[in-house]
Structure formats: C-alpha cells, structure tokens
Amino acid sequence: MLKTTILFPLLLALSLYEDARLFTRPRENWRAAALALKRLAAPGTCLLFLPADSLNLYLVFDKTLATHVCDAASLRHASRIVLAASPYAAPSKAIPPSFQELRSTGLRAPTVTIYRRK
C-alpha cells in the first residue's frame, strides 16, 4: 500500500511533465520550409512534393508555390527539379510516378535538388 501511495503521485507528476513538454516544444517550421522552396523556385524549375498531398502544407504559407508544381509533360522540359520530401512520407511514395517516367525516357536529366524536411 505504501508503494502505491508513493509511486502513483510520482507517475502522475512525470506524466504531467511529459505532456507539458509535448505541447510546448518547438514544432516543424513550415513557413521557413515554404520560404526555402520559394528561393529555389526560379523560372524553369519544377517542384515535386513527396507525398504529393504535402503540397497543401506549404501552400498555407505561400500560395505561389503552386505555379511551379509540374506534371509529367512539363517535367520533361524542366531545367531544374526540386524535390520536397516530407519526413512523414511512406517508403511506397518515395519517387513520384512523373519522376519515374522521366527517368525511363532516357532524356538528359535536369538538375535535381532535394529539399528534405528533418
């Protein structure tokens, strides 16, 4: 009984401490990530996002990034490809289909810059 009286308040205190740390520690800075991509997005640059739906996270902070997102057809003419890989991407989504298609054509590959969130 004495152990329970001592251990329960200790466990409760540690749990509350960890909960407070969880909600107060720094999180991902999507604004900074969007700004980094905007700096990389020059004319002729294609932006690819992994997974593709992570684009929405960046668009919250900079809507103009959507103008640089490419499909398979425009990817062939890109002078530079910037691959924005989320740390939350599943391995099955490692390479977007449009990039695989470009690689299989044998065309001269453009410069590929990988911007990986850590």
C-alpha atoms as a PDB file:
ATOM      1  CA  MET A   1       0.000   0.000   0.000  1.00  0.00           C
ATOM      2  CA  LEU A   2       2.845   2.354   0.846  1.00  0.00           C
ATOM      3  CA  LYS A   3       4.474   1.739  -2.569  1.00  0.00           C
ATOM      4  CA  THR A   4       1.232   2.646  -4.337  1.00  0.00           C
ATOM      5  CA  THR A   5       0.892   5.819  -2.284  1.00  0.00           C
ATOM      6  CA  ILE A   6       4.391   6.903  -3.315  1.00  0.00           C
ATOM      7  CA  LEU A   7       4.512   5.598  -6.901  1.00  0.00           C
ATOM      8  CA  PHE A   8       1.149   6.884  -8.095  1.00  0.00           C
ATOM      9  CA  PRO A   9       1.849  10.584  -7.394  1.00  0.00           C
ATOM     10  CA  LEU A  10       5.329  10.187  -8.888  1.00  0.00           C
ATOM     11  CA  LEU A  11       3.930   8.583 -12.026  1.00  0.00           C
ATOM     12  CA  LEU A  12       1.246  11.272 -12.269  1.00  0.00           C
ATOM     13  CA  ALA A  13       3.828  14.052 -11.902  1.00  0.00           C
ATOM     14  CA  LEU A  14       6.070  12.535 -14.587  1.00  0.00           C
ATOM     15  CA  SER A  15       3.128  12.101 -16.937  1.00  0.00           C
ATOM     16  CA  LEU A  16       2.033  15.713 -16.496  1.00  0.00           C
ATOM     17  CA  TYR A  17       5.608  16.901 -17.047  1.00  0.00           C
ATOM     18  CA  GLU A  18       5.929  14.924 -20.298  1.00  0.00           C
ATOM     19  CA  ASP A  19       2.524  16.134 -21.515  1.00  0.00           C
ATOM     20  CA  ALA A  20       3.555  19.738 -20.905  1.00  0.00           C
ATOM     21  CA  ARG A  21       6.822  19.160 -22.800  1.00  0.00           C
ATOM     22  CA  LEU A  22       4.966  17.588 -25.703  1.00  0.00           C
ATOM     23  CA  PHE A  23       2.822  20.670 -26.245  1.00  0.00           C
ATOM     24  CA  THR A  24       5.463  23.331 -25.576  1.00  0.00           C
ATOM     25  CA  ARG A  25       8.497  22.091 -27.511  1.00  0.00           C
ATOM     26  CA  PRO A  26       9.259  23.628 -30.948  1.00  0.00           C
ATOM     27  CA  ARG A  27       7.481  22.070 -33.906  1.00  0.00           C
ATOM     28  CA  GLU A  28       8.085  21.965 -37.644  1.00  0.00           C
ATOM     29  CA  ASN A  29       8.554  25.383 -39.188  1.00  0.00           C
ATOM     30  CA  TRP A  30       6.506  25.073 -42.379  1.00  0.00           C
ATOM     31  CA  ARG A  31       6.796  28.819 -43.036  1.00  0.00           C
ATOM     32  CA  ALA A  32      10.598  28.524 -43.232  1.00  0.00           C
ATOM     33  CA  ALA A  33      10.286  25.437 -45.435  1.00  0.00           C
ATOM     34  CA  ALA A  34       7.951  27.265 -47.839  1.00  0.00           C
ATOM     35  CA  LEU A  35      10.371  30.191 -47.968  1.00  0.00           C
ATOM     36  CA  ALA A  36      13.286  27.838 -48.742  1.00  0.00           C
ATOM     37  CA  LEU A  37      11.312  26.307 -51.621  1.00  0.00           C
ATOM     38  CA  LYS A  38      10.347  29.737 -52.927  1.00  0.00           C
ATOM     39  CA  ARG A  39      14.041  30.691 -53.041  1.00  0.00           C
ATOM     40  CA  LEU A  40      14.790  27.542 -55.054  1.00  0.00           C
ATOM     41  CA  ALA A  41      11.866  28.017 -57.463  1.00  0.00           C
ATOM     42  CA  ALA A  42      13.270  30.011 -60.376  1.00  0.00           C
ATOM     43  CA  PRO A  43      11.826  30.078 -63.909  1.00  0.00           C
ATOM     44  CA  GLY A  44      12.124  26.621 -65.452  1.00  0.00           C
ATOM     45  CA  THR A  45      12.040  24.945 -62.050  1.00  0.00           C
ATOM     46  CA  CYS A  46       9.588  22.164 -61.278  1.00  0.00           C
ATOM     47  CA  LEU A  47       8.580  21.436 -57.709  1.00  0.00           C
ATOM     48  CA  LEU A  48       7.644  17.894 -56.745  1.00  0.00           C
ATOM     49  CA  PHE A  49       6.302  17.050 -53.307  1.00  0.00           C
ATOM     50  CA  LEU A  50       6.599  13.725 -51.522  1.00  0.00           C
ATOM     51  CA  PRO A  51       3.989  12.705 -50.709  1.00  0.00           C
ATOM     52  CA  ALA A  52       2.090  14.763 -53.269  1.00  0.00           C
ATOM     53  CA  ASP A  53      -0.545  15.898 -50.776  1.00  0.00           C
ATOM     54  CA  SER A  54       2.135  17.550 -48.607  1.00  0.00           C
ATOM     55  CA  LEU A  55       1.981  20.449 -51.080  1.00  0.00           C
ATOM     56  CA  ASN A  56      -1.022  21.712 -49.110  1.00  0.00           C
ATOM     57  CA  LEU A  57       1.151  22.210 -46.016  1.00  0.00           C
ATOM     58  CA  TYR A  58       3.428  24.556 -47.964  1.00  0.00           C
ATOM     59  CA  LEU A  59       0.584  26.373 -49.730  1.00  0.00           C
ATOM     60  CA  VAL A  60      -0.774  27.571 -46.399  1.00  0.00           C
ATOM     61  CA  PHE A  61       2.306  29.798 -46.169  1.00  0.00           C
ATOM     62  CA  ASP A  62       2.976  30.572 -49.832  1.00  0.00           C
ATOM     63  CA  LYS A  63       0.287  30.104 -52.480  1.00  0.00           C
ATOM     64  CA  THR A  64       2.712  30.983 -55.312  1.00  0.00           C
ATOM     65  CA  LEU A  65       4.484  27.632 -54.942  1.00  0.00           C
ATOM     66  CA  ALA A  66       1.566  26.022 -56.782  1.00  0.00           C
ATOM     67  CA  THR A  67       2.686  27.752 -60.016  1.00  0.00           C
ATOM     68  CA  HIS A  68       5.901  25.708 -60.018  1.00  0.00           C
ATOM     69  CA  VAL A  69       4.319  22.284 -59.471  1.00  0.00           C
ATOM     70  CA  CYS A  70       4.765  20.153 -62.591  1.00  0.00           C
ATOM     71  CA  ASP A  71       3.006  17.266 -64.202  1.00  0.00           C
ATOM     72  CA  ALA A  72       4.752  14.572 -66.257  1.00  0.00           C
ATOM     73  CA  ALA A  73       4.564  16.591 -69.503  1.00  0.00           C
ATOM     74  CA  SER A  74       6.089  19.793 -68.138  1.00  0.00           C
ATOM     75  CA  LEU A  75       8.635  17.838 -66.117  1.00  0.00           C
ATOM     76  CA  ARG A  76      10.381  16.851 -69.346  1.00  0.00           C
ATOM     77  CA  HIS A  77      11.219  20.486 -70.093  1.00  0.00           C
ATOM     78  CA  ALA A  78      12.371  21.498 -66.635  1.00  0.00           C
ATOM     79  CA  SER A  79      15.873  22.850 -66.240  1.00  0.00           C
ATOM     80  CA  ARG A  80      15.751  22.045 -62.537  1.00  0.00           C
ATOM     81  CA  ILE A  81      13.644  19.776 -60.358  1.00  0.00           C
ATOM     82  CA  VAL A  82      13.275  20.489 -56.668  1.00  0.00           C
ATOM     83  CA  LEU A  83      12.043  17.504 -54.716  1.00  0.00           C
ATOM     84  CA  ALA A  84      10.474  18.487 -51.372  1.00  0.00           C
ATOM     85  CA  ALA A  85      10.450  15.302 -49.330  1.00  0.00           C
ATOM     86  CA  SER A  86       8.481  15.189 -46.123  1.00  0.00           C
ATOM     87  CA  PRO A  87       9.877  13.170 -43.236  1.00  0.00           C
ATOM     88  CA  TYR A  88       6.391  11.689 -42.983  1.00  0.00           C
ATOM     89  CA  ALA A  89       6.461  10.176 -46.492  1.00  0.00           C
ATOM     90  CA  ALA A  90       5.845   6.452 -46.663  1.00  0.00           C
ATOM     91  CA  PRO A  91       8.567   4.446 -48.445  1.00  0.00           C
ATOM     92  CA  SER A  92       6.000   3.386 -51.055  1.00  0.00           C
ATOM     93  CA  LYS A  93       5.723   7.044 -52.114  1.00  0.00           C
ATOM     94  CA  ALA A  94       9.474   7.586 -52.343  1.00  0.00           C
ATOM     95  CA  ILE A  95       9.570   8.527 -56.035  1.00  0.00           C
ATOM     96  CA  PRO A  96       6.590  10.226 -57.708  1.00  0.00           C
ATOM     97  CA  PRO A  97       5.318   8.490 -60.874  1.00  0.00           C
ATOM     98  CA  SER A  98       6.155  11.504 -63.068  1.00  0.00           C
ATOM     99  CA  PHE A  99       9.793  11.358 -61.972  1.00  0.00           C
ATOM    100  CA  GLN A 100       9.968   7.621 -62.686  1.00  0.00           C
ATOM    101  CA  GLU A 101       8.524   8.289 -66.140  1.00  0.00           C
ATOM    102  CA  LEU A 102      11.155  10.961 -66.830  1.00  0.00           C
ATOM    103  CA  ARG A 103      13.933   8.599 -65.771  1.00  0.00           C
ATOM    104  CA  SER A 104      12.641   5.862 -68.086  1.00  0.00           C
ATOM    105  CA  THR A 105      12.635   8.106 -71.191  1.00  0.00           C
ATOM    106  CA  GLY A 106      16.417   8.390 -71.286  1.00  0.00           C
ATOM    107  CA  LEU A 107      16.239  12.165 -71.773  1.00  0.00           C
ATOM    108  CA  ARG A 108      19.016  14.345 -70.422  1.00  0.00           C
ATOM    109  CA  ALA A 109      18.258  14.677 -66.758  1.00  0.00           C
ATOM    110  CA  PRO A 110      17.812  18.158 -65.326  1.00  0.00           C
ATOM    111  CA  THR A 111      19.451  19.250 -62.098  1.00  0.00           C
ATOM    112  CA  VAL A 112      17.640  17.693 -59.156  1.00  0.00           C
ATOM    113  CA  THR A 113      17.705  19.444 -55.797  1.00  0.00           C
ATOM    114  CA  ILE A 114      16.310  17.577 -52.825  1.00  0.00           C
ATOM    115  CA  TYR A 115      14.885  19.655 -50.033  1.00  0.00           C
ATOM    116  CA  ARG A 116      14.257  17.254 -47.173  1.00  0.00           C
ATOM    117  CA  ARG A 117      12.485  18.344 -44.025  1.00  0.00           C
ATOM    118  CA  LYS A 118      14.161  16.975 -40.921  1.00  0.00           C
END
